[in-house]
C-alpha atoms as a PDB file:
ATOM      1  CA  UNK A   1      45.395 -43.870  23.678  1.00  0.00           C
ATOM      2  CA  UNK A   2      42.495 -46.219  24.355  1.00  0.00           C
ATOM      3  CA  UNK A   3      40.610 -43.461  26.184  1.00  0.00           C
ATOM      4  CA  UNK A   4      40.930 -41.084  23.235  1.00  0.00           C
ATOM      5  CA  UNK A   5      39.909 -43.806  20.831  1.00  0.00           C
ATOM      6  CA  UNK A   6      36.808 -44.542  22.884  1.00  0.00           C
ATOM      7  CA  UNK A   7      35.729 -40.917  22.855  1.00  0.00           C
ATOM      8  CA  UNK A   8      36.148 -40.738  19.099  1.00  0.00           C
ATOM      9  CA  UNK A   9      34.224 -43.954  18.617  1.00  0.00           C
ATOM     10  CA  UNK A  10      31.330 -42.706  20.783  1.00  0.00           C
ATOM     11  CA  UNK A  11      31.128 -39.466  18.803  1.00  0.00           C
ATOM     12  CA  UNK A  12      31.029 -41.305  15.502  1.00  0.00           C
ATOM     13  CA  UNK A  13      28.453 -43.738  16.840  1.00  0.00           C
ATOM     14  CA  UNK A  14      25.981 -40.937  17.640  1.00  0.00           C
ATOM     15  CA  UNK A  15      23.384 -40.365  14.905  1.00  0.00           C
ATOM     16  CA  UNK A  16      24.376 -37.462  12.671  1.00  0.00           C
ATOM     17  CA  UNK A  17      20.880 -35.959  13.010  1.00  0.00           C
ATOM     18  CA  UNK A  18      21.457 -35.244  16.699  1.00  0.00           C
ATOM     19  CA  UNK A  19      24.316 -32.966  15.748  1.00  0.00           C
ATOM     20  CA  UNK A  20      22.736 -31.324  12.683  1.00  0.00           C
ATOM     21  CA  UNK A  21      19.231 -30.703  13.932  1.00  0.00           C
ATOM     22  CA  UNK A  22      18.133 -27.081  14.274  1.00  0.00           C
ATOM     23  CA  UNK A  23      14.730 -25.989  15.525  1.00  0.00           C
ATOM     24  CA  UNK A  24      12.213 -25.165  12.797  1.00  0.00           C
ATOM     25  CA  UNK A  25      11.196 -21.498  12.694  1.00  0.00           C
ATOM     26  CA  UNK A  26       7.827 -20.834  14.242  1.00  0.00           C
ATOM     27  CA  UNK A  27       5.206 -18.239  13.457  1.00  0.00           C
ATOM     28  CA  UNK A  28       2.006 -17.610  11.528  1.00  0.00           C
ATOM     29  CA  UNK A  29       2.367 -17.290   7.740  1.00  0.00           C
ATOM     30  CA  UNK A  30       1.646 -13.726   6.647  1.00  0.00           C
ATOM     31  CA  UNK A  31       2.207 -11.640   3.538  1.00  0.00           C
ATOM     32  CA  UNK A  32       2.492  -8.005   2.553  1.00  0.00           C
ATOM     33  CA  UNK A  33       3.347  -5.806  -0.407  1.00  0.00           C
ATOM     34  CA  UNK A  34       6.852  -4.378  -0.698  1.00  0.00           C
ATOM     35  CA  UNK A  35       7.616  -1.619  -3.204  1.00  0.00           C
ATOM     36  CA  UNK A  36      10.974  -0.462  -4.491  1.00  0.00           C
ATOM     37  CA  UNK A  37      10.695   3.303  -4.306  1.00  0.00           C
ATOM     38  CA  UNK A  38      13.427   5.683  -5.373  1.00  0.00           C
ATOM     39  CA  UNK A  39      16.424   3.788  -6.694  1.00  0.00           C
ATOM     40  CA  UNK A  40      18.732   6.768  -7.105  1.00  0.00           C
ATOM     41  CA  UNK A  41      19.590   6.956 -10.784  1.00  0.00           C
ATOM     42  CA  UNK A  42      19.999   3.289 -11.626  1.00  0.00           C
ATOM     43  CA  UNK A  43      17.534   0.609 -12.693  1.00  0.00           C
ATOM     44  CA  UNK A  44      16.100  -1.207  -9.682  1.00  0.00           C
ATOM     45  CA  UNK A  45      17.727  -4.611  -9.184  1.00  0.00           C
ATOM     46  CA  UNK A  46      15.708  -7.791  -8.957  1.00  0.00           C
ATOM     47  CA  UNK A  47      15.475  -8.387  -5.219  1.00  0.00           C
ATOM     48  CA  UNK A  48      15.725 -11.748  -3.484  1.00  0.00           C
ATOM     49  CA  UNK A  49      14.574 -12.593   0.015  1.00  0.00           C
ATOM     50  CA  UNK A  50      18.205 -12.458   1.170  1.00  0.00           C
ATOM     51  CA  UNK A  51      18.204  -8.727   0.346  1.00  0.00           C
ATOM     52  CA  UNK A  52      15.517  -7.901   2.914  1.00  0.00           C
ATOM     53  CA  UNK A  53      14.961  -7.990   6.644  1.00  0.00           C
ATOM     54  CA  UNK A  54      11.557  -8.188   8.359  1.00  0.00           C
ATOM     55  CA  UNK A  55      11.436  -6.915  11.934  1.00  0.00           C
ATOM     56  CA  UNK A  56       8.742  -7.443  14.552  1.00  0.00           C
ATOM     57  CA  UNK A  57       9.231  -6.431  18.172  1.00  0.00           C
ATOM     58  CA  UNK A  58      12.888  -5.666  17.440  1.00  0.00           C
ATOM     59  CA  UNK A  59      13.533  -9.234  16.246  1.00  0.00           C
ATOM     60  CA  UNK A  60      14.055 -10.440  12.661  1.00  0.00           C
ATOM     61  CA  UNK A  61      11.403 -12.776  11.325  1.00  0.00           C
ATOM     62  CA  UNK A  62      11.988 -15.625   8.827  1.00  0.00           C
ATOM     63  CA  UNK A  63      11.243 -14.669   5.208  1.00  0.00           C
ATOM     64  CA  UNK A  64       9.816 -17.662   3.360  1.00  0.00           C
ATOM     65  CA  UNK A  65       9.330 -16.197  -0.131  1.00  0.00           C
ATOM     66  CA  UNK A  66       9.650 -13.020  -2.191  1.00  0.00           C
ATOM     67  CA  UNK A  67       7.659 -12.980  -5.429  1.00  0.00           C
ATOM     68  CA  UNK A  68       8.245 -10.294  -8.087  1.00  0.00           C
ATOM     69  CA  UNK A  69       4.836  -9.057  -9.251  1.00  0.00           C
ATOM     70  CA  UNK A  70       5.599  -8.949 -12.944  1.00  0.00           C
ATOM     71  CA  UNK A  71       5.048 -11.166 -15.964  1.00  0.00           C
ATOM     72  CA  UNK A  72       2.254 -13.624 -15.212  1.00  0.00           C
ATOM     73  CA  UNK A  73       2.039 -12.191 -11.673  1.00  0.00           C
ATOM     74  CA  UNK A  74       1.670  -8.553 -12.772  1.00  0.00           C
ATOM     75  CA  UNK A  75      -2.107  -8.370 -12.331  1.00  0.00           C
ATOM     76  CA  UNK A  76      -3.228  -5.104 -10.723  1.00  0.00           C
ATOM     77  CA  UNK A  77      -6.552  -3.456  -9.924  1.00  0.00           C
ATOM     78  CA  UNK A  78      -6.145   0.314  -9.619  1.00  0.00           C
ATOM     79  CA  UNK A  79      -9.008   2.521  -8.425  1.00  0.00           C
ATOM     80  CA  UNK A  80      -8.966   6.276  -9.001  1.00  0.00           C
ATOM     81  CA  UNK A  81     -10.873   7.944  -6.167  1.00  0.00           C
ATOM     82  CA  UNK A  82     -11.473  11.610  -7.001  1.00  0.00           C
ATOM     83  CA  UNK A  83     -12.856  14.107  -4.479  1.00  0.00           C
ATOM     84  CA  UNK A  84     -15.288  16.258  -6.450  1.00  0.00           C
ATOM     85  CA  UNK A  85     -14.496  19.269  -4.252  1.00  0.00           C
ATOM     86  CA  UNK A  86     -10.909  19.297  -5.608  1.00  0.00           C
ATOM     87  CA  UNK A  87     -11.827  21.554  -8.508  1.00  0.00           C
ATOM     88  CA  UNK A  88      -8.981  24.092  -8.576  1.00  0.00           C
ATOM     89  CA  UNK A  89      -7.662  24.404 -12.159  1.00  0.00           C
ATOM     90  CA  UNK A  90      -8.419  20.750 -12.929  1.00  0.00           C
ATOM     91  CA  UNK A  91      -8.530  20.826 -16.749  1.00  0.00           C
ATOM     92  CA  UNK A  92      -4.942  20.182 -17.971  1.00  0.00           C
ATOM     93  CA  UNK A  93      -4.138  18.070 -14.934  1.00  0.00           C
ATOM     94  CA  UNK A  94      -6.969  15.675 -15.667  1.00  0.00           C
ATOM     95  CA  UNK A  95      -5.756  15.347 -19.245  1.00  0.00           C
ATOM     96  CA  UNK A  96      -2.529  14.076 -17.660  1.00  0.00           C
ATOM     97  CA  UNK A  97      -4.584  11.675 -15.561  1.00  0.00           C
ATOM     98  CA  UNK A  98      -6.354  10.382 -18.675  1.00  0.00           C
ATOM     99  CA  UNK A  99      -2.995   9.762 -20.344  1.00  0.00           C
ATOM    100  CA  UNK A 100      -1.858   7.947 -17.205  1.00  0.00           C
ATOM    101  CA  UNK A 101      -4.854   5.610 -17.445  1.00  0.00           C
ATOM    102  CA  UNK A 102      -4.235   5.005 -21.147  1.00  0.00           C
ATOM    103  CA  UNK A 103      -0.581   4.130 -20.480  1.00  0.00           C
ATOM    104  CA  UNK A 104      -1.361   1.352 -18.017  1.00  0.00           C
ATOM    105  CA  UNK A 105      -0.271  -2.196 -18.744  1.00  0.00           C
ATOM    106  CA  UNK A 106      -2.834  -4.593 -20.271  1.00  0.00           C
ATOM    107  CA  UNK A 107      -2.611  -6.507 -16.975  1.00  0.00           C
ATOM    108  CA  UNK A 108      -3.971  -3.487 -15.057  1.00  0.00           C
ATOM    109  CA  UNK A 109      -7.706  -3.031 -14.540  1.00  0.00           C
ATOM    110  CA  UNK A 110      -8.670   0.583 -13.802  1.00  0.00           C
ATOM    111  CA  UNK A 111     -11.752   1.693 -11.867  1.00  0.00           C
ATOM    112  CA  UNK A 112     -13.108   5.198 -11.297  1.00  0.00           C
ATOM    113  CA  UNK A 113     -14.995   6.485  -8.239  1.00  0.00           C
ATOM    114  CA  UNK A 114     -15.931   9.938  -6.947  1.00  0.00           C
ATOM    115  CA  UNK A 115     -16.575  11.512  -3.571  1.00  0.00           C
ATOM    116  CA  UNK A 116     -19.647  13.705  -3.854  1.00  0.00           C
ATOM    117  CA  UNK A 117     -20.825  15.554  -0.717  1.00  0.00           C
ATOM    118  CA  UNK A 118     -19.291  12.851   1.471  1.00  0.00           C
ATOM    119  CA  UNK A 119     -20.748   9.935  -0.479  1.00  0.00           C
ATOM    120  CA  UNK A 120     -18.658   7.492  -2.505  1.00  0.00           C
ATOM    121  CA  UNK A 121     -19.962   6.776  -6.015  1.00  0.00           C
ATOM    122  CA  UNK A 122     -18.400   4.119  -8.238  1.00  0.00           C
ATOM    123  CA  UNK A 123     -18.605   5.282 -11.852  1.00  0.00           C
ATOM    124  CA  UNK A 124     -16.672   2.402 -13.395  1.00  0.00           C
ATOM    125  CA  UNK A 125     -15.628  -0.853 -11.775  1.00  0.00           C
ATOM    126  CA  UNK A 126     -12.070  -2.022 -12.550  1.00  0.00           C
ATOM    127  CA  UNK A 127     -11.881  -2.756 -16.268  1.00  0.00           C
ATOM    128  CA  UNK A 128      -9.107  -3.790 -18.631  1.00  0.00           C
ATOM    129  CA  UNK A 129     -10.725  -1.551 -21.243  1.00  0.00           C
ATOM    130  CA  UNK A 130      -8.684   1.531 -20.447  1.00  0.00           C
ATOM    131  CA  UNK A 131     -10.576   3.715 -22.908  1.00  0.00           C
ATOM    132  CA  UNK A 132     -13.749   2.908 -21.010  1.00  0.00           C
ATOM    133  CA  UNK A 133     -12.069   4.023 -17.773  1.00  0.00           C
ATOM    134  CA  UNK A 134     -10.887   7.223 -19.473  1.00  0.00           C
ATOM    135  CA  UNK A 135     -14.442   7.977 -20.570  1.00  0.00           C
ATOM    136  CA  UNK A 136     -15.660   7.483 -16.988  1.00  0.00           C
ATOM    137  CA  UNK A 137     -13.214  10.103 -15.691  1.00  0.00           C
ATOM    138  CA  UNK A 138     -14.357  13.712 -15.600  1.00  0.00           C
ATOM    139  CA  UNK A 139     -12.813  16.788 -14.021  1.00  0.00           C
ATOM    140  CA  UNK A 140     -14.263  17.644 -10.595  1.00  0.00           C
ATOM    141  CA  UNK A 141     -16.857  20.402 -10.830  1.00  0.00           C
ATOM    142  CA  UNK A 142     -16.930  21.247  -7.150  1.00  0.00           C
ATOM    143  CA  UNK A 143     -18.968  20.029  -4.220  1.00  0.00           C
ATOM    144  CA  UNK A 144     -19.238  20.656  -0.525  1.00  0.00           C
ATOM    145  CA  UNK A 145     -16.000  19.811   1.271  1.00  0.00           C
ATOM    146  CA  UNK A 146     -16.592  16.685   3.340  1.00  0.00           C
ATOM    147  CA  UNK A 147     -14.604  13.969   5.062  1.00  0.00           C
ATOM    148  CA  UNK A 148     -13.044  11.902   2.230  1.00  0.00           C
ATOM    149  CA  UNK A 149     -11.724   9.059   4.355  1.00  0.00           C
ATOM    150  CA  UNK A 150     -15.093   7.478   5.052  1.00  0.00           C
ATOM    151  CA  UNK A 151     -15.485   7.139   1.277  1.00  0.00           C
ATOM    152  CA  UNK A 152     -12.046   5.541   1.003  1.00  0.00           C
ATOM    153  CA  UNK A 153     -13.037   2.984   3.653  1.00  0.00           C
ATOM    154  CA  UNK A 154     -16.338   2.311   1.854  1.00  0.00           C
ATOM    155  CA  UNK A 155     -14.513   1.778  -1.437  1.00  0.00           C
ATOM    156  CA  UNK A 156     -12.145  -0.777   0.081  1.00  0.00           C
ATOM    157  CA  UNK A 157     -14.878  -2.599   2.005  1.00  0.00           C
ATOM    158  CA  UNK A 158     -16.979  -2.997  -1.151  1.00  0.00           C
ATOM    159  CA  UNK A 159     -14.053  -4.026  -3.365  1.00  0.00           C
ATOM    160  CA  UNK A 160     -14.171  -7.791  -4.086  1.00  0.00           C
ATOM    161  CA  UNK A 161     -10.906  -9.630  -3.561  1.00  0.00           C
ATOM    162  CA  UNK A 162      -9.252 -11.273  -6.529  1.00  0.00           C
ATOM    163  CA  UNK A 163      -5.898 -12.774  -7.435  1.00  0.00           C
ATOM    164  CA  UNK A 164      -4.601  -9.295  -8.356  1.00  0.00           C
ATOM    165  CA  UNK A 165      -2.916  -6.812  -6.038  1.00  0.00           C
ATOM    166  CA  UNK A 166      -4.899  -3.643  -5.390  1.00  0.00           C
ATOM    167  CA  UNK A 167      -4.065   0.039  -5.138  1.00  0.00           C
ATOM    168  CA  UNK A 168      -5.965   3.325  -4.837  1.00  0.00           C
ATOM    169  CA  UNK A 169      -4.929   6.671  -6.293  1.00  0.00           C
ATOM    170  CA  UNK A 170      -6.801   9.230  -4.194  1.00  0.00           C
ATOM    171  CA  UNK A 171      -7.073  12.863  -5.337  1.00  0.00           C
ATOM    172  CA  UNK A 172      -8.391  15.069  -2.546  1.00  0.00           C
ATOM    173  CA  UNK A 173      -7.605  17.943  -0.204  1.00  0.00           C
ATOM    174  CA  UNK A 174      -7.873  15.530   2.741  1.00  0.00           C
ATOM    175  CA  UNK A 175      -9.973  17.989   4.754  1.00  0.00           C
ATOM    176  CA  UNK A 176     -12.590  16.816   7.208  1.00  0.00           C
ATOM    177  CA  UNK A 177     -14.537  20.010   8.073  1.00  0.00           C
ATOM    178  CA  UNK A 178     -16.048  18.357  11.147  1.00  0.00           C
ATOM    179  CA  UNK A 179     -12.698  17.304  12.587  1.00  0.00           C
ATOM    180  CA  UNK A 180     -11.414  18.693  15.863  1.00  0.00           C
ATOM    181  CA  UNK A 181      -7.970  20.226  16.185  1.00  0.00           C
ATOM    182  CA  UNK A 182      -6.555  16.810  16.967  1.00  0.00           C
ATOM    183  CA  UNK A 183      -4.786  15.190  14.012  1.00  0.00           C
ATOM    184  CA  UNK A 184      -5.996  11.711  14.963  1.00  0.00           C
ATOM    185  CA  UNK A 185      -9.307  11.194  13.227  1.00  0.00           C
ATOM    186  CA  UNK A 186     -11.585   8.171  13.588  1.00  0.00           C
ATOM    187  CA  UNK A 187     -12.426   8.138   9.870  1.00  0.00           C
ATOM    188  CA  UNK A 188      -8.752   8.292   8.912  1.00  0.00           C
ATOM    189  CA  UNK A 189      -7.885   5.438  11.263  1.00  0.00           C
ATOM    190  CA  UNK A 190     -10.831   3.351  10.040  1.00  0.00           C
ATOM    191  CA  UNK A 191      -9.783   3.826   6.386  1.00  0.00           C
ATOM    192  CA  UNK A 192      -6.186   2.998   7.263  1.00  0.00           C
ATOM    193  CA  UNK A 193      -7.149  -0.209   9.030  1.00  0.00           C
ATOM    194  CA  UNK A 194      -9.396  -1.280   6.139  1.00  0.00           C
ATOM    195  CA  UNK A 195      -6.540  -0.746   3.679  1.00  0.00           C
ATOM    196  CA  UNK A 196      -3.964  -2.560   5.809  1.00  0.00           C
ATOM    197  CA  UNK A 197      -6.294  -5.491   6.470  1.00  0.00           C
ATOM    198  CA  UNK A 198      -7.122  -5.846   2.769  1.00  0.00           C
ATOM    199  CA  UNK A 199      -3.550  -5.326   1.544  1.00  0.00           C
ATOM    200  CA  UNK A 200      -4.482  -2.195  -0.443  1.00  0.00           C
ATOM    201  CA  UNK A 201      -1.768   0.372  -1.161  1.00  0.00           C
ATOM    202  CA  UNK A 202      -2.933   4.007  -1.172  1.00  0.00           C
ATOM    203  CA  UNK A 203      -1.314   6.801  -3.190  1.00  0.00           C
ATOM    204  CA  UNK A 204      -2.583  10.315  -2.499  1.00  0.00           C
ATOM    205  CA  UNK A 205      -2.273  13.498  -4.542  1.00  0.00           C
ATOM    206  CA  UNK A 206      -3.299  16.685  -2.784  1.00  0.00           C
ATOM    207  CA  UNK A 207      -5.484  18.946  -4.934  1.00  0.00           C
ATOM    208  CA  UNK A 208      -7.427  21.819  -3.336  1.00  0.00           C
ATOM    209  CA  UNK A 209     -10.851  23.257  -3.895  1.00  0.00           C
ATOM    210  CA  UNK A 210     -11.165  26.446  -5.942  1.00  0.00           C
ATOM    211  CA  UNK A 211     -11.674  28.573  -2.818  1.00  0.00           C
ATOM    212  CA  UNK A 212      -8.589  27.305  -1.007  1.00  0.00           C
ATOM    213  CA  UNK A 213      -7.162  30.828  -0.651  1.00  0.00           C
ATOM    214  CA  UNK A 214     -10.133  31.690   1.559  1.00  0.00           C
ATOM    215  CA  UNK A 215      -9.751  28.524   3.636  1.00  0.00           C
ATOM    216  CA  UNK A 216      -8.216  28.026   7.052  1.00  0.00           C
ATOM    217  CA  UNK A 217      -4.631  27.047   6.253  1.00  0.00           C
ATOM    218  CA  UNK A 218      -4.452  25.036   9.451  1.00  0.00           C
ATOM    219  CA  UNK A 219      -7.189  22.757   8.127  1.00  0.00           C
ATOM    220  CA  UNK A 220      -5.403  22.500   4.771  1.00  0.00           C
ATOM    221  CA  UNK A 221      -2.207  21.450   6.545  1.00  0.00           C
ATOM    222  CA  UNK A 222      -4.085  18.913   8.662  1.00  0.00           C
ATOM    223  CA  UNK A 223      -5.691  17.501   5.498  1.00  0.00           C
ATOM    224  CA  UNK A 224      -2.288  17.035   3.883  1.00  0.00           C
ATOM    225  CA  UNK A 225      -0.953  15.330   7.011  1.00  0.00           C
ATOM    226  CA  UNK A 226      -3.898  12.929   7.012  1.00  0.00           C
ATOM    227  CA  UNK A 227      -3.403  12.085   3.335  1.00  0.00           C
ATOM    228  CA  UNK A 228       0.273  11.396   4.000  1.00  0.00           C
ATOM    229  CA  UNK A 229      -0.550   9.312   7.079  1.00  0.00           C
ATOM    230  CA  UNK A 230      -2.855   6.955   5.175  1.00  0.00           C
ATOM    231  CA  UNK A 231      -0.563   6.705   2.149  1.00  0.00           C
ATOM    232  CA  UNK A 232       2.708   6.077   3.963  1.00  0.00           C
ATOM    233  CA  UNK A 233       1.209   3.659   6.505  1.00  0.00           C
ATOM    234  CA  UNK A 234      -0.166   1.486   3.672  1.00  0.00           C
ATOM    235  CA  UNK A 235       3.142   1.414   1.784  1.00  0.00           C
ATOM    236  CA  UNK A 236       2.237   4.183  -0.685  1.00  0.00           C
ATOM    237  CA  UNK A 237       3.210   7.835  -1.022  1.00  0.00           C
ATOM    238  CA  UNK A 238       1.539  11.252  -0.833  1.00  0.00           C
ATOM    239  CA  UNK A 239       2.317  14.168  -3.156  1.00  0.00           C
ATOM    240  CA  UNK A 240       1.850  17.877  -2.475  1.00  0.00           C
ATOM    241  CA  UNK A 241       3.809  21.107  -2.622  1.00  0.00           C
ATOM    242  CA  UNK A 242       2.533  23.970  -0.515  1.00  0.00           C
ATOM    243  CA  UNK A 243      -1.170  24.677  -0.110  1.00  0.00           C
ATOM    244  CA  UNK A 244      -1.893  25.450  -3.762  1.00  0.00           C
ATOM    245  CA  UNK A 245      -2.510  23.030  -6.628  1.00  0.00           C
ATOM    246  CA  UNK A 246       0.406  21.167  -8.159  1.00  0.00           C
ATOM    247  CA  UNK A 247       1.577  22.757 -11.390  1.00  0.00           C
ATOM    248  CA  UNK A 248       1.491  19.335 -13.040  1.00  0.00           C
ATOM    249  CA  UNK A 249       0.494  15.818 -12.028  1.00  0.00           C
ATOM    250  CA  UNK A 250       2.721  14.180 -14.650  1.00  0.00           C
ATOM    251  CA  UNK A 251       5.937  13.720 -12.605  1.00  0.00           C
ATOM    252  CA  UNK A 252       4.007  12.297  -9.678  1.00  0.00           C
ATOM    253  CA  UNK A 253       1.962   9.973 -11.876  1.00  0.00           C
ATOM    254  CA  UNK A 254       5.239   8.765 -13.392  1.00  0.00           C
ATOM    255  CA  UNK A 255       6.574   8.103  -9.888  1.00  0.00           C
ATOM    256  CA  UNK A 256       3.449   6.094  -9.016  1.00  0.00           C
ATOM    257  CA  UNK A 257       3.770   4.108 -12.257  1.00  0.00           C
ATOM    258  CA  UNK A 258       7.388   3.310 -11.365  1.00  0.00           C
ATOM    259  CA  UNK A 259       6.341   2.112  -7.916  1.00  0.00           C
ATOM    260  CA  UNK A 260       3.607  -0.118  -9.309  1.00  0.00           C
ATOM    261  CA  UNK A 261       6.081  -1.660 -11.760  1.00  0.00           C
ATOM    262  CA  UNK A 262       8.477  -2.623  -8.959  1.00  0.00           C
ATOM    263  CA  UNK A 263       6.436  -4.445  -6.341  1.00  0.00           C
ATOM    264  CA  UNK A 264       6.930  -7.762  -4.586  1.00  0.00           C
ATOM    265  CA  UNK A 265       4.783 -10.054  -2.502  1.00  0.00           C
ATOM    266  CA  UNK A 266       6.748 -10.828   0.652  1.00  0.00           C
ATOM    267  CA  UNK A 267       5.816 -13.928   2.651  1.00  0.00           C
ATOM    268  CA  UNK A 268       7.160 -14.425   6.163  1.00  0.00           C
ATOM    269  CA  UNK A 269       6.412 -16.027   9.520  1.00  0.00           C
ATOM    270  CA  UNK A 270       4.853 -13.489  11.856  1.00  0.00           C
ATOM    271  CA  UNK A 271       5.682 -13.271  15.548  1.00  0.00           C
ATOM    272  CA  UNK A 272       4.192 -16.355  17.267  1.00  0.00           C
ATOM    273  CA  UNK A 273       3.840 -14.456  20.551  1.00  0.00           C
ATOM    274  CA  UNK A 274       1.093 -12.243  19.091  1.00  0.00           C
ATOM    275  CA  UNK A 275      -2.310 -13.900  18.605  1.00  0.00           C
ATOM    276  CA  UNK A 276      -3.261 -14.227  14.919  1.00  0.00           C
ATOM    277  CA  UNK A 277      -6.364 -12.635  13.482  1.00  0.00           C
ATOM    278  CA  UNK A 278      -5.083  -9.100  14.029  1.00  0.00           C
ATOM    279  CA  UNK A 279      -3.024  -6.291  12.566  1.00  0.00           C
ATOM    280  CA  UNK A 280       0.584  -6.523  13.730  1.00  0.00           C
ATOM    281  CA  UNK A 281       3.361  -3.919  13.560  1.00  0.00           C
ATOM    282  CA  UNK A 282       6.053  -4.756  11.023  1.00  0.00           C
ATOM    283  CA  UNK A 283       9.151  -3.108   9.550  1.00  0.00           C
ATOM    284  CA  UNK A 284      10.735  -4.137   6.243  1.00  0.00           C
ATOM    285  CA  UNK A 285      14.273  -2.982   5.479  1.00  0.00           C
ATOM    286  CA  UNK A 286      16.649  -3.327   2.577  1.00  0.00           C
ATOM    287  CA  UNK A 287      20.187  -4.491   3.294  1.00  0.00           C
ATOM    288  CA  UNK A 288      21.366  -2.186   0.499  1.00  0.00           C
ATOM    289  CA  UNK A 289      21.736   1.512   1.266  1.00  0.00           C
ATOM    290  CA  UNK A 290      20.936   2.707  -2.247  1.00  0.00           C
ATOM    291  CA  UNK A 291      17.430   1.219  -2.453  1.00  0.00           C
ATOM    292  CA  UNK A 292      14.398   2.781  -0.789  1.00  0.00           C
ATOM    293  CA  UNK A 293      11.629   0.388   0.170  1.00  0.00           C
ATOM    294  CA  UNK A 294       8.058   1.202   1.092  1.00  0.00           C
ATOM    295  CA  UNK A 295       5.823  -1.249   2.915  1.00  0.00           C
ATOM    296  CA  UNK A 296       2.794  -1.110   5.202  1.00  0.00           C
ATOM    297  CA  UNK A 297       3.448  -0.288   8.854  1.00  0.00           C
ATOM    298  CA  UNK A 298       1.079  -3.078   9.906  1.00  0.00           C
ATOM    299  CA  UNK A 299       0.325  -6.471   8.405  1.00  0.00           C
ATOM    300  CA  UNK A 300      -2.827  -8.522   8.737  1.00  0.00           C
ATOM    301  CA  UNK A 301      -1.947 -11.908  10.235  1.00  0.00           C
ATOM    302  CA  UNK A 302      -4.737 -14.368   9.404  1.00  0.00           C
ATOM    303  CA  UNK A 303      -6.241 -16.761  11.870  1.00  0.00           C
ATOM    304  CA  UNK A 304      -9.292 -14.937  13.229  1.00  0.00           C
ATOM    305  CA  UNK A 305     -12.893 -15.300  12.173  1.00  0.00           C
ATOM    306  CA  UNK A 306     -13.568 -16.226   8.505  1.00  0.00           C
ATOM    307  CA  UNK A 307     -14.908 -12.728   7.837  1.00  0.00           C
ATOM    308  CA  UNK A 308     -11.644 -11.175   8.979  1.00  0.00           C
ATOM    309  CA  UNK A 309      -9.263 -13.732   7.478  1.00  0.00           C
ATOM    310  CA  UNK A 310      -7.367 -12.059   4.632  1.00  0.00           C
ATOM    311  CA  UNK A 311      -5.036 -15.002   3.911  1.00  0.00           C
ATOM    312  CA  UNK A 312      -4.348 -15.770   0.289  1.00  0.00           C
ATOM    313  CA  UNK A 313      -4.896 -12.233  -0.990  1.00  0.00           C
ATOM    314  CA  UNK A 314      -2.619 -12.949  -3.936  1.00  0.00           C
ATOM    315  CA  UNK A 315      -2.821 -16.698  -4.673  1.00  0.00           C
END
């Protein structure tokens, strides 16, 4: 009996902290945008960080915060980037685009830029005066088909950071006439990296040039694949149906509006085994089977040079 009593006494005499201590999670703080996509016929629920899993190198990473971007955090800067060569039956569709701009929340600033012969031209910087943005938008009249992804990269590089999240709606055929048969394109990859580093979500709507029926359909297909690659890898979506123009932009604009209304800023601790100051692979999953999430395929983990440090994108 005395032996048992001694063991019990020794256990009770040990500081409680030695039994309760658990190692603190390690990693570099990072953040990315998570969007609730299709929610299958029911209103999207308000997510909490317990509803999500972040995976890096096959291992879950600690989620430190999940902030709904609504209310006083709903600020958004949305740039419309229109390829002027996408001039096939643009009239009614661009009326739909004007209505889309006019329907934006007062917390959304809308900018308008065009791709003209391979050069990016900002017509209107992001403004909360939506009528001003509508007036800046004009239907594409046609121009020489040229690589649109260099212009997308230029737009993002010249876009000042603010406390608002940022997104691009790109309307283009996605064709780079100088591209080889290989789908990997240096301009596409450069634009993708710029968007991922800056935390910019890209939505892409395919719209062809008026002479698309005389075009090489292989190039049209490759252009659509490149649009989808940039959009999906930044956490956005791409919209097209066949090689011809969409009959209407309205359902796809409504889908984009729904995405933008259901976004979250996810904060987590990135893998400590990967040096910071770089893009890192990441996967975000929902624990619920009836919610579709979209998120970037790579996240910028700050810690490099000041020029490349994208921490605090959404303070």
